[in-house]
Amino acid sequence: MKPRRLIRFDWALKRLLRSKANFEVLEGLLSELLMTDIKIVEILEGEGNKENHLDKYNRVDMKVKNSNNELILIELQYEREYDYLQRLVYAASKTVTEHLAEGDTYSRVPKVISISILYFDLGCGADYIYHGTTSFRGLHTNDELQLNEGQKGLFHRQSIQEIFPEFYLIRVKRFDEVARNSLDEWIYFLKTGEIREDFTARGLQKAKALLDILQLPEEERRAYERYQEDLHFQASMVESTWGAGMLEGEKIGEQKGRAATLMRQLQRRFGSVPTWASARIATAPCQALEEWSIRFVDARSLEEVFAP
């Protein structure tokens, strides 16, 4: 594997891209994904900006406010999380409530756009980018509910979808590394860490210069190296926890299998098994189950099987 030349995007989100001088990079990604010209006004504080081993989920959150007063949530996630979709709903809802001042009318509810850059397979699907919006359709007519002219003027929106939160899911692992358009060029970088010379997507060439590891100041480079080491630590912890869980699961599975076998043996030999005996079998360790299975061969009664 050839050495990585560019900084990981999660590190860039944590450190470099929060500077106003570097907004151009993030504006490029957002503009390509949302297919509109995005101008960042400010980057608001997120909660996932940790940089040590206590950041167990390796999660990066960034909250951006653009020139249309829309709030864009950017999250980068490496570890599998089965309730990730529910967490997206929670984060979007929390953002709405945090940015609606007390006494404001509901017409001032902010528009929220949630963007997830995922390095694990979320759900089932063939595509690598999914877009979720809210719409209302008639149960009888199947027509889509629209805003009237008064609502359009009040909300400064043209459709209901523009009012509700929108969600973009980028499933990086599913990308086949063939850059068919400018957005794919960004996905290519997110997956491989490389920016080719012929790439023309907005913000990428700026990213290539900004994220060059060799161009980092010494202090910043050392901090990045510590961050990489910490990622190895996190991965090892996850692997160790998973391995321990597998071993424990195998142990429990073996125990249940022995218990079920012993119950069938006793039922065949002695008929119905009383509650006291089934309770002992259900809570017994593997060693005791093995001993009872041996005693079963010569035992003349249940009591002899379970005798001290």
C-alpha atoms as a PDB file:
ATOM      1  CA  MET A   1       0.000   0.000   0.000  1.00  0.00           C
ATOM      2  CA  LYS A   2       1.505   3.318  -1.041  1.00  0.00           C
ATOM      3  CA  PRO A   3       1.824   6.017   1.648  1.00  0.00           C
ATOM      4  CA  ARG A   4      -1.042   8.426   1.975  1.00  0.00           C
ATOM      5  CA  ARG A   5      -0.152  11.859   0.620  1.00  0.00           C
ATOM      6  CA  LEU A   6      -3.265  13.781   1.685  1.00  0.00           C
ATOM      7  CA  ILE A   7      -4.713  14.255   5.151  1.00  0.00           C
ATOM      8  CA  ARG A   8      -7.798  12.243   6.053  1.00  0.00           C
ATOM      9  CA  PHE A   9     -10.971  14.225   5.521  1.00  0.00           C
ATOM     10  CA  ASP A  10     -12.140  13.660   9.095  1.00  0.00           C
ATOM     11  CA  TRP A  11      -9.011  15.402  10.390  1.00  0.00           C
ATOM     12  CA  ALA A  12      -9.548  18.236   7.924  1.00  0.00           C
ATOM     13  CA  LEU A  13     -13.084  18.689   9.231  1.00  0.00           C
ATOM     14  CA  LYS A  14     -11.811  18.770  12.791  1.00  0.00           C
ATOM     15  CA  ARG A  15      -9.013  21.257  12.237  1.00  0.00           C
ATOM     16  CA  LEU A  16      -8.284  22.846   8.878  1.00  0.00           C
ATOM     17  CA  LEU A  17     -11.677  23.398   7.274  1.00  0.00           C
ATOM     18  CA  ARG A  18     -13.032  25.408  10.193  1.00  0.00           C
ATOM     19  CA  SER A  19     -10.930  28.389   9.165  1.00  0.00           C
ATOM     20  CA  LYS A  20     -12.727  30.979   7.042  1.00  0.00           C
ATOM     21  CA  ALA A  21      -9.716  31.064   4.713  1.00  0.00           C
ATOM     22  CA  ASN A  22     -10.439  27.431   3.855  1.00  0.00           C
ATOM     23  CA  PHE A  23     -14.222  27.620   3.407  1.00  0.00           C
ATOM     24  CA  GLU A  24     -13.656  27.172  -0.335  1.00  0.00           C
ATOM     25  CA  VAL A  25     -12.970  23.449   0.111  1.00  0.00           C
ATOM     26  CA  LEU A  26     -16.160  22.706   2.037  1.00  0.00           C
ATOM     27  CA  GLU A  27     -18.177  24.994  -0.235  1.00  0.00           C
ATOM     28  CA  GLY A  28     -16.961  22.905  -3.151  1.00  0.00           C
ATOM     29  CA  LEU A  29     -18.176  19.612  -1.692  1.00  0.00           C
ATOM     30  CA  LEU A  30     -21.528  21.079  -0.635  1.00  0.00           C
ATOM     31  CA  SER A  31     -22.088  22.795  -3.986  1.00  0.00           C
ATOM     32  CA  GLU A  32     -21.387  19.611  -5.934  1.00  0.00           C
ATOM     33  CA  LEU A  33     -23.645  17.497  -3.708  1.00  0.00           C
ATOM     34  CA  LEU A  34     -26.557  19.936  -3.415  1.00  0.00           C
ATOM     35  CA  MET A  35     -26.214  21.061  -7.046  1.00  0.00           C
ATOM     36  CA  THR A  36     -26.390  24.743  -6.142  1.00  0.00           C
ATOM     37  CA  ASP A  37     -23.921  27.483  -5.307  1.00  0.00           C
ATOM     38  CA  ILE A  38     -23.203  27.221  -1.575  1.00  0.00           C
ATOM     39  CA  LYS A  39     -21.598  30.095   0.305  1.00  0.00           C
ATOM     40  CA  ILE A  40     -20.678  29.461   3.935  1.00  0.00           C
ATOM     41  CA  VAL A  41     -21.373  32.338   6.288  1.00  0.00           C
ATOM     42  CA  GLU A  42     -20.101  30.715   9.460  1.00  0.00           C
ATOM     43  CA  ILE A  43     -19.285  27.379  11.026  1.00  0.00           C
ATOM     44  CA  LEU A  44     -21.211  26.811  14.224  1.00  0.00           C
ATOM     45  CA  GLU A  45     -19.981  24.688  17.085  1.00  0.00           C
ATOM     46  CA  GLY A  46     -20.633  20.946  16.818  1.00  0.00           C
ATOM     47  CA  GLU A  47     -20.410  18.374  19.590  1.00  0.00           C
ATOM     48  CA  GLY A  48     -18.259  15.736  17.912  1.00  0.00           C
ATOM     49  CA  ASN A  49     -14.916  17.518  17.696  1.00  0.00           C
ATOM     50  CA  LYS A  50     -12.956  15.195  19.983  1.00  0.00           C
ATOM     51  CA  GLU A  51      -9.483  14.010  19.065  1.00  0.00           C
ATOM     52  CA  ASN A  52      -8.539  11.279  21.524  1.00  0.00           C
ATOM     53  CA  HIS A  53      -9.455   7.711  22.446  1.00  0.00           C
ATOM     54  CA  LEU A  54     -12.510   8.878  24.378  1.00  0.00           C
ATOM     55  CA  ASP A  55     -14.125   9.636  21.015  1.00  0.00           C
ATOM     56  CA  LYS A  56     -15.328   6.044  20.840  1.00  0.00           C
ATOM     57  CA  TYR A  57     -17.448   6.392  17.729  1.00  0.00           C
ATOM     58  CA  ASN A  58     -14.880   8.308  15.670  1.00  0.00           C
ATOM     59  CA  ARG A  59     -17.602  10.749  14.756  1.00  0.00           C
ATOM     60  CA  VAL A  60     -17.125  14.197  13.299  1.00  0.00           C
ATOM     61  CA  ASP A  61     -19.905  16.749  13.393  1.00  0.00           C
ATOM     62  CA  MET A  62     -19.831  20.134  11.716  1.00  0.00           C
ATOM     63  CA  LYS A  63     -22.687  22.595  11.626  1.00  0.00           C
ATOM     64  CA  VAL A  64     -22.586  25.133   8.805  1.00  0.00           C
ATOM     65  CA  LYS A  65     -24.758  28.167   8.169  1.00  0.00           C
ATOM     66  CA  ASN A  66     -24.946  29.231   4.531  1.00  0.00           C
ATOM     67  CA  SER A  67     -25.942  32.494   2.878  1.00  0.00           C
ATOM     68  CA  ASN A  68     -29.597  31.357   2.691  1.00  0.00           C
ATOM     69  CA  ASN A  69     -29.690  30.902   6.489  1.00  0.00           C
ATOM     70  CA  GLU A  70     -29.896  27.145   6.034  1.00  0.00           C
ATOM     71  CA  LEU A  71     -28.202  24.916   8.584  1.00  0.00           C
ATOM     72  CA  ILE A  72     -26.103  22.089   7.130  1.00  0.00           C
ATOM     73  CA  LEU A  73     -25.035  19.233   9.385  1.00  0.00           C
ATOM     74  CA  ILE A  74     -22.015  17.240   8.205  1.00  0.00           C
ATOM     75  CA  GLU A  75     -21.246  13.958   9.897  1.00  0.00           C
ATOM     76  CA  LEU A  76     -18.506  11.480   9.099  1.00  0.00           C
ATOM     77  CA  GLN A  77     -18.929   8.018  10.569  1.00  0.00           C
ATOM     78  CA  TYR A  78     -16.632   4.978  10.419  1.00  0.00           C
ATOM     79  CA  GLU A  79     -18.146   2.523  12.885  1.00  0.00           C
ATOM     80  CA  ARG A  80     -21.355   0.599  12.263  1.00  0.00           C
ATOM     81  CA  GLU A  81     -24.346   1.968  14.132  1.00  0.00           C
ATOM     82  CA  TYR A  82     -27.658   0.154  13.673  1.00  0.00           C
ATOM     83  CA  ASP A  83     -29.790   3.039  14.961  1.00  0.00           C
ATOM     84  CA  TYR A  84     -27.933   5.608  12.879  1.00  0.00           C
ATOM     85  CA  LEU A  85     -31.080   6.710  11.002  1.00  0.00           C
ATOM     86  CA  GLN A  86     -32.876   7.439  14.269  1.00  0.00           C
ATOM     87  CA  ARG A  87     -29.883   9.470  15.400  1.00  0.00           C
ATOM     88  CA  LEU A  88     -30.138  11.539  12.218  1.00  0.00           C
ATOM     89  CA  VAL A  89     -33.763  12.332  13.033  1.00  0.00           C
ATOM     90  CA  TYR A  90     -32.774  13.319  16.564  1.00  0.00           C
ATOM     91  CA  ALA A  91     -29.904  15.544  15.399  1.00  0.00           C
ATOM     92  CA  ALA A  92     -32.072  17.357  12.854  1.00  0.00           C
ATOM     93  CA  SER A  93     -34.866  17.864  15.377  1.00  0.00           C
ATOM     94  CA  LYS A  94     -32.448  19.115  18.011  1.00  0.00           C
ATOM     95  CA  THR A  95     -30.950  21.586  15.542  1.00  0.00           C
ATOM     96  CA  VAL A  96     -34.397  22.971  14.742  1.00  0.00           C
ATOM     97  CA  THR A  97     -35.243  23.550  18.403  1.00  0.00           C
ATOM     98  CA  GLU A  98     -31.828  25.020  19.209  1.00  0.00           C
ATOM     99  CA  HIS A  99     -32.131  27.621  16.460  1.00  0.00           C
ATOM    100  CA  LEU A 100     -35.731  28.685  17.024  1.00  0.00           C
ATOM    101  CA  ALA A 101     -35.710  31.510  19.542  1.00  0.00           C
ATOM    102  CA  GLU A 102     -38.308  31.632  22.297  1.00  0.00           C
ATOM    103  CA  GLY A 103     -41.340  33.535  21.069  1.00  0.00           C
ATOM    104  CA  ASP A 104     -40.539  33.042  17.374  1.00  0.00           C
ATOM    105  CA  THR A 105     -43.344  31.923  15.090  1.00  0.00           C
ATOM    106  CA  TYR A 106     -43.083  28.541  13.425  1.00  0.00           C
ATOM    107  CA  SER A 107     -42.549  30.276  10.111  1.00  0.00           C
ATOM    108  CA  ARG A 108     -39.004  30.937  11.355  1.00  0.00           C
ATOM    109  CA  VAL A 109     -38.165  27.248  11.758  1.00  0.00           C
ATOM    110  CA  PRO A 110     -34.753  26.901  10.091  1.00  0.00           C
ATOM    111  CA  LYS A 111     -34.151  24.686   7.095  1.00  0.00           C
ATOM    112  CA  VAL A 112     -31.872  21.769   8.028  1.00  0.00           C
ATOM    113  CA  ILE A 113     -29.826  19.707   5.588  1.00  0.00           C
ATOM    114  CA  SER A 114     -28.114  16.630   7.005  1.00  0.00           C
ATOM    115  CA  ILE A 115     -25.144  15.114   5.149  1.00  0.00           C
ATOM    116  CA  SER A 116     -23.653  11.810   6.296  1.00  0.00           C
ATOM    117  CA  ILE A 117     -20.346  10.519   4.931  1.00  0.00           C
ATOM    118  CA  LEU A 118     -20.460   6.843   5.882  1.00  0.00           C
ATOM    119  CA  TYR A 119     -17.649   4.293   5.794  1.00  0.00           C
ATOM    120  CA  PHE A 120     -19.928   1.377   6.700  1.00  0.00           C
ATOM    121  CA  ASP A 121     -22.894  -0.184   4.894  1.00  0.00           C
ATOM    122  CA  LEU A 122     -26.083   1.429   6.139  1.00  0.00           C
ATOM    123  CA  GLY A 123     -29.160  -0.511   5.119  1.00  0.00           C
ATOM    124  CA  CYS A 124     -29.560  -2.318   1.804  1.00  0.00           C
ATOM    125  CA  GLY A 125     -29.289  -0.597  -1.545  1.00  0.00           C
ATOM    126  CA  ALA A 126     -27.267  -0.550  -4.737  1.00  0.00           C
ATOM    127  CA  ASP A 127     -26.490   3.173  -4.910  1.00  0.00           C
ATOM    128  CA  TYR A 128     -23.776   5.029  -3.038  1.00  0.00           C
ATOM    129  CA  ILE A 129     -25.680   8.316  -2.598  1.00  0.00           C
ATOM    130  CA  TYR A 130     -29.238   8.569  -1.273  1.00  0.00           C
ATOM    131  CA  HIS A 131     -31.374  11.681  -0.827  1.00  0.00           C
ATOM    132  CA  GLY A 132     -34.358  11.790   1.524  1.00  0.00           C
ATOM    133  CA  THR A 133     -37.093  14.466   1.543  1.00  0.00           C
ATOM    134  CA  THR A 134     -40.619  14.857   2.924  1.00  0.00           C
ATOM    135  CA  SER A 135     -43.696  15.063   0.741  1.00  0.00           C
ATOM    136  CA  PHE A 136     -47.442  14.590   1.261  1.00  0.00           C
ATOM    137  CA  ARG A 137     -49.601  12.636  -1.179  1.00  0.00           C
ATOM    138  CA  GLY A 138     -53.344  12.179  -1.306  1.00  0.00           C
ATOM    139  CA  LEU A 139     -54.543   8.744  -0.271  1.00  0.00           C
ATOM    140  CA  HIS A 140     -57.291   8.827  -2.921  1.00  0.00           C
ATOM    141  CA  THR A 141     -55.899  11.088  -5.647  1.00  0.00           C
ATOM    142  CA  ASN A 142     -52.136  10.470  -5.225  1.00  0.00           C
ATOM    143  CA  ASP A 143     -51.563  14.153  -5.941  1.00  0.00           C
ATOM    144  CA  GLU A 144     -48.744  15.925  -4.085  1.00  0.00           C
ATOM    145  CA  LEU A 145     -49.690  18.671  -1.645  1.00  0.00           C
ATOM    146  CA  GLN A 146     -48.265  22.056  -2.658  1.00  0.00           C
ATOM    147  CA  LEU A 147     -47.729  25.405  -0.937  1.00  0.00           C
ATOM    148  CA  ASN A 148     -50.124  28.180  -1.830  1.00  0.00           C
ATOM    149  CA  GLU A 149     -48.844  31.578  -2.925  1.00  0.00           C
ATOM    150  CA  GLY A 150     -49.236  33.087   0.550  1.00  0.00           C
ATOM    151  CA  GLN A 151     -47.184  30.330   2.132  1.00  0.00           C
ATOM    152  CA  LYS A 152     -44.494  30.676  -0.519  1.00  0.00           C
ATOM    153  CA  GLY A 153     -44.180  34.355   0.320  1.00  0.00           C
ATOM    154  CA  LEU A 154     -44.172  33.788   4.072  1.00  0.00           C
ATOM    155  CA  PHE A 155     -41.709  30.895   4.113  1.00  0.00           C
ATOM    156  CA  HIS A 156     -39.598  32.037   1.152  1.00  0.00           C
ATOM    157  CA  ARG A 157     -39.877  28.470  -0.130  1.00  0.00           C
ATOM    158  CA  GLN A 158     -41.394  27.074  -3.273  1.00  0.00           C
ATOM    159  CA  SER A 159     -42.254  23.572  -2.077  1.00  0.00           C
ATOM    160  CA  ILE A 160     -43.012  21.594   1.063  1.00  0.00           C
ATOM    161  CA  GLN A 161     -39.813  19.581   0.622  1.00  0.00           C
ATOM    162  CA  GLU A 162     -37.832  22.805   1.072  1.00  0.00           C
ATOM    163  CA  ILE A 163     -39.357  23.334   4.527  1.00  0.00           C
ATOM    164  CA  PHE A 164     -38.653  19.951   6.058  1.00  0.00           C
ATOM    165  CA  PRO A 165     -35.172  18.595   6.820  1.00  0.00           C
ATOM    166  CA  GLU A 166     -33.389  16.836   3.964  1.00  0.00           C
ATOM    167  CA  PHE A 167     -30.956  13.972   4.353  1.00  0.00           C
ATOM    168  CA  TYR A 168     -28.052  12.910   2.153  1.00  0.00           C
ATOM    169  CA  LEU A 169     -26.349   9.566   2.773  1.00  0.00           C
ATOM    170  CA  ILE A 170     -22.992   8.992   1.078  1.00  0.00           C
ATOM    171  CA  ARG A 171     -22.073   5.306   1.356  1.00  0.00           C
ATOM    172  CA  VAL A 172     -18.393   5.594   0.517  1.00  0.00           C
ATOM    173  CA  LYS A 173     -17.626   1.867   0.473  1.00  0.00           C
ATOM    174  CA  ARG A 174     -20.225   1.326  -2.273  1.00  0.00           C
ATOM    175  CA  PHE A 175     -18.494   3.722  -4.681  1.00  0.00           C
ATOM    176  CA  ASP A 176     -16.742   1.818  -7.492  1.00  0.00           C
ATOM    177  CA  GLU A 177     -13.939   4.415  -7.823  1.00  0.00           C
ATOM    178  CA  VAL A 178     -15.049   5.466 -11.313  1.00  0.00           C
ATOM    179  CA  ALA A 179     -15.446   9.259 -11.401  1.00  0.00           C
ATOM    180  CA  ARG A 180     -18.277   9.849 -13.871  1.00  0.00           C
ATOM    181  CA  ASN A 181     -18.932  13.472 -12.891  1.00  0.00           C
ATOM    182  CA  SER A 182     -17.637  16.202 -10.610  1.00  0.00           C
ATOM    183  CA  LEU A 183     -19.505  14.883  -7.554  1.00  0.00           C
ATOM    184  CA  ASP A 184     -17.945  11.460  -8.125  1.00  0.00           C
ATOM    185  CA  GLU A 185     -14.542  13.135  -8.068  1.00  0.00           C
ATOM    186  CA  TRP A 186     -15.263  14.200  -4.497  1.00  0.00           C
ATOM    187  CA  ILE A 187     -16.457  10.708  -3.565  1.00  0.00           C
ATOM    188  CA  TYR A 188     -13.288   9.309  -5.131  1.00  0.00           C
ATOM    189  CA  PHE A 189     -11.221  11.516  -2.823  1.00  0.00           C
ATOM    190  CA  LEU A 190     -13.316  10.546   0.226  1.00  0.00           C
ATOM    191  CA  LYS A 191     -12.726   6.860  -0.504  1.00  0.00           C
ATOM    192  CA  THR A 192      -9.128   6.775  -1.733  1.00  0.00           C
ATOM    193  CA  GLY A 193      -7.586   9.915  -0.229  1.00  0.00           C
ATOM    194  CA  GLU A 194      -6.327  10.876  -3.705  1.00  0.00           C
ATOM    195  CA  ILE A 195      -7.084  13.843  -5.976  1.00  0.00           C
ATOM    196  CA  ARG A 196      -6.096  13.292  -9.588  1.00  0.00           C
ATOM    197  CA  GLU A 197      -4.628  16.062 -11.733  1.00  0.00           C
ATOM    198  CA  ASP A 198      -7.539  15.914 -14.189  1.00  0.00           C
ATOM    199  CA  PHE A 199     -10.204  16.427 -11.507  1.00  0.00           C
ATOM    200  CA  THR A 200     -12.163  19.652 -11.965  1.00  0.00           C
ATOM    201  CA  ALA A 201     -14.754  19.482  -9.161  1.00  0.00           C
ATOM    202  CA  ARG A 202     -15.136  22.700  -7.252  1.00  0.00           C
ATOM    203  CA  GLY A 203     -12.865  22.898  -4.207  1.00  0.00           C
ATOM    204  CA  LEU A 204     -10.802  19.792  -4.937  1.00  0.00           C
ATOM    205  CA  GLN A 205      -7.624  21.453  -6.173  1.00  0.00           C
ATOM    206  CA  LYS A 206      -7.706  23.781  -3.174  1.00  0.00           C
ATOM    207  CA  ALA A 207      -8.125  20.680  -1.007  1.00  0.00           C
ATOM    208  CA  LYS A 208      -5.157  19.023  -2.697  1.00  0.00           C
ATOM    209  CA  ALA A 209      -2.885  21.917  -1.788  1.00  0.00           C
ATOM    210  CA  LEU A 210      -4.336  22.433   1.690  1.00  0.00           C
ATOM    211  CA  LEU A 211      -4.366  18.782   2.760  1.00  0.00           C
ATOM    212  CA  ASP A 212      -0.873  17.875   1.591  1.00  0.00           C
ATOM    213  CA  ILE A 213       0.754  16.246   4.606  1.00  0.00           C
ATOM    214  CA  LEU A 214       4.201  17.428   3.571  1.00  0.00           C
ATOM    215  CA  GLN A 215       3.063  21.039   3.645  1.00  0.00           C
ATOM    216  CA  LEU A 216       1.780  20.957   7.211  1.00  0.00           C
ATOM    217  CA  PRO A 217       3.611  22.942   9.883  1.00  0.00           C
ATOM    218  CA  GLU A 218       5.643  20.692  12.174  1.00  0.00           C
ATOM    219  CA  GLU A 219       3.290  21.056  15.144  1.00  0.00           C
ATOM    220  CA  GLU A 220       0.233  20.327  13.007  1.00  0.00           C
ATOM    221  CA  ARG A 221       1.906  17.310  11.419  1.00  0.00           C
ATOM    222  CA  ARG A 222       2.749  15.861  14.825  1.00  0.00           C
ATOM    223  CA  ALA A 223      -0.831  16.398  15.974  1.00  0.00           C
ATOM    224  CA  TYR A 224      -2.049  14.572  12.864  1.00  0.00           C
ATOM    225  CA  GLU A 225       0.331  11.679  13.524  1.00  0.00           C
ATOM    226  CA  ARG A 226      -1.040  11.415  17.078  1.00  0.00           C
ATOM    227  CA  TYR A 227      -4.534  11.386  15.647  1.00  0.00           C
ATOM    228  CA  GLN A 228      -3.634   8.535  13.272  1.00  0.00           C
ATOM    229  CA  GLU A 229      -2.130   6.563  16.156  1.00  0.00           C
ATOM    230  CA  ASP A 230      -5.305   7.104  18.139  1.00  0.00           C
ATOM    231  CA  LEU A 231      -7.379   5.737  15.249  1.00  0.00           C
ATOM    232  CA  HIS A 232      -5.281   2.563  15.361  1.00  0.00           C
ATOM    233  CA  PHE A 233      -5.966   2.393  19.108  1.00  0.00           C
ATOM    234  CA  GLN A 234      -9.710   2.791  18.537  1.00  0.00           C
ATOM    235  CA  ALA A 235      -9.694   0.080  15.863  1.00  0.00           C
ATOM    236  CA  SER A 236      -7.840  -2.287  18.197  1.00  0.00           C
ATOM    237  CA  MET A 237     -10.315  -1.623  20.987  1.00  0.00           C
ATOM    238  CA  VAL A 238     -13.245  -2.332  18.685  1.00  0.00           C
ATOM    239  CA  GLU A 239     -11.601  -5.525  17.426  1.00  0.00           C
ATOM    240  CA  SER A 240     -10.799  -6.672  20.976  1.00  0.00           C
ATOM    241  CA  THR A 241     -14.334  -5.981  22.159  1.00  0.00           C
ATOM    242  CA  TRP A 242     -15.757  -7.810  19.152  1.00  0.00           C
ATOM    243  CA  GLY A 243     -13.436 -10.766  19.710  1.00  0.00           C
ATOM    244  CA  ALA A 244     -14.330 -10.996  23.380  1.00  0.00           C
ATOM    245  CA  GLY A 245     -18.001 -10.827  22.462  1.00  0.00           C
ATOM    246  CA  MET A 246     -17.584 -13.629  19.920  1.00  0.00           C
ATOM    247  CA  LEU A 247     -15.855 -15.853  22.459  1.00  0.00           C
ATOM    248  CA  GLU A 248     -18.529 -15.149  25.051  1.00  0.00           C
ATOM    249  CA  GLY A 249     -21.213 -15.819  22.463  1.00  0.00           C
ATOM    250  CA  GLU A 250     -19.620 -19.141  21.532  1.00  0.00           C
ATOM    251  CA  LYS A 251     -19.453 -20.050  25.205  1.00  0.00           C
ATOM    252  CA  ILE A 252     -23.118 -19.210  25.740  1.00  0.00           C
ATOM    253  CA  GLY A 253     -24.059 -21.069  22.569  1.00  0.00           C
ATOM    254  CA  GLU A 254     -22.178 -24.168  23.699  1.00  0.00           C
ATOM    255  CA  GLN A 255     -23.823 -23.979  27.108  1.00  0.00           C
ATOM    256  CA  LYS A 256     -27.315 -23.735  25.619  1.00  0.00           C
ATOM    257  CA  GLY A 257     -26.595 -26.593  23.244  1.00  0.00           C
ATOM    258  CA  ARG A 258     -25.434 -28.887  26.053  1.00  0.00           C
ATOM    259  CA  ALA A 259     -28.447 -27.940  28.171  1.00  0.00           C
ATOM    260  CA  ALA A 260     -30.903 -28.677  25.349  1.00  0.00           C
ATOM    261  CA  THR A 261     -29.243 -32.054  24.660  1.00  0.00           C
ATOM    262  CA  LEU A 262     -29.347 -33.037  28.333  1.00  0.00           C
ATOM    263  CA  MET A 263     -33.041 -32.074  28.585  1.00  0.00           C
ATOM    264  CA  ARG A 264     -33.887 -34.310  25.616  1.00  0.00           C
ATOM    265  CA  GLN A 265     -31.915 -37.208  27.121  1.00  0.00           C
ATOM    266  CA  LEU A 266     -33.680 -36.900  30.487  1.00  0.00           C
ATOM    267  CA  GLN A 267     -37.118 -36.615  28.904  1.00  0.00           C
ATOM    268  CA  ARG A 268     -36.511 -39.747  26.848  1.00  0.00           C
ATOM    269  CA  ARG A 269     -35.267 -41.708  29.846  1.00  0.00           C
ATOM    270  CA  PHE A 270     -37.458 -40.452  32.694  1.00  0.00           C
ATOM    271  CA  GLY A 271     -40.417 -38.761  30.985  1.00  0.00           C
ATOM    272  CA  SER A 272     -41.310 -35.194  31.988  1.00  0.00           C
ATOM    273  CA  VAL A 273     -38.556 -33.237  33.737  1.00  0.00           C
ATOM    274  CA  PRO A 274     -39.674 -31.463  36.937  1.00  0.00           C
ATOM    275  CA  THR A 275     -39.231 -27.719  37.361  1.00  0.00           C
ATOM    276  CA  TRP A 276     -36.409 -28.013  39.896  1.00  0.00           C
ATOM    277  CA  ALA A 277     -34.331 -30.076  37.459  1.00  0.00           C
ATOM    278  CA  SER A 278     -34.947 -27.848  34.413  1.00  0.00           C
ATOM    279  CA  ALA A 279     -34.057 -24.801  36.533  1.00  0.00           C
ATOM    280  CA  ARG A 280     -30.713 -26.334  37.498  1.00  0.00           C
ATOM    281  CA  ILE A 281     -29.967 -27.213  33.889  1.00  0.00           C
ATOM    282  CA  ALA A 282     -30.822 -23.685  32.687  1.00  0.00           C
ATOM    283  CA  THR A 283     -28.344 -22.042  35.079  1.00  0.00           C
ATOM    284  CA  ALA A 284     -25.598 -24.659  35.141  1.00  0.00           C
ATOM    285  CA  PRO A 285     -22.094 -24.074  33.710  1.00  0.00           C
ATOM    286  CA  CYS A 286     -20.794 -26.268  30.881  1.00  0.00           C
ATOM    287  CA  GLN A 287     -18.698 -28.388  33.259  1.00  0.00           C
ATOM    288  CA  ALA A 288     -21.749 -29.407  35.306  1.00  0.00           C
ATOM    289  CA  LEU A 289     -23.793 -30.117  32.172  1.00  0.00           C
ATOM    290  CA  GLU A 290     -21.027 -32.393  30.894  1.00  0.00           C
ATOM    291  CA  GLU A 291     -20.879 -34.262  34.213  1.00  0.00           C
ATOM    292  CA  TRP A 292     -24.654 -34.788  34.306  1.00  0.00           C
ATOM    293  CA  SER A 293     -24.635 -36.060  30.713  1.00  0.00           C
ATOM    294  CA  ILE A 294     -22.099 -38.726  31.772  1.00  0.00           C
ATOM    295  CA  ARG A 295     -24.065 -39.705  34.884  1.00  0.00           C
ATOM    296  CA  PHE A 296     -27.234 -40.014  32.819  1.00  0.00           C
ATOM    297  CA  VAL A 297     -25.919 -43.203  31.214  1.00  0.00           C
ATOM    298  CA  ASP A 298     -26.013 -45.261  34.454  1.00  0.00           C
ATOM    299  CA  ALA A 299     -28.402 -43.230  36.605  1.00  0.00           C
ATOM    300  CA  ARG A 300     -31.598 -44.975  37.765  1.00  0.00           C
ATOM    301  CA  SER A 301     -33.364 -41.728  38.660  1.00  0.00           C
ATOM    302  CA  LEU A 302     -33.192 -37.950  38.149  1.00  0.00           C
ATOM    303  CA  GLU A 303     -31.925 -37.578  41.689  1.00  0.00           C
ATOM    304  CA  GLU A 304     -28.870 -39.709  40.876  1.00  0.00           C
ATOM    305  CA  VAL A 305     -28.108 -37.537  37.847  1.00  0.00           C
ATOM    306  CA  PHE A 306     -28.024 -34.374  39.951  1.00  0.00           C
ATOM    307  CA  ALA A 307     -26.566 -35.853  43.146  1.00  0.00           C
ATOM    308  CA  PRO A 308     -23.641 -33.904  44.705  1.00  0.00           C
END
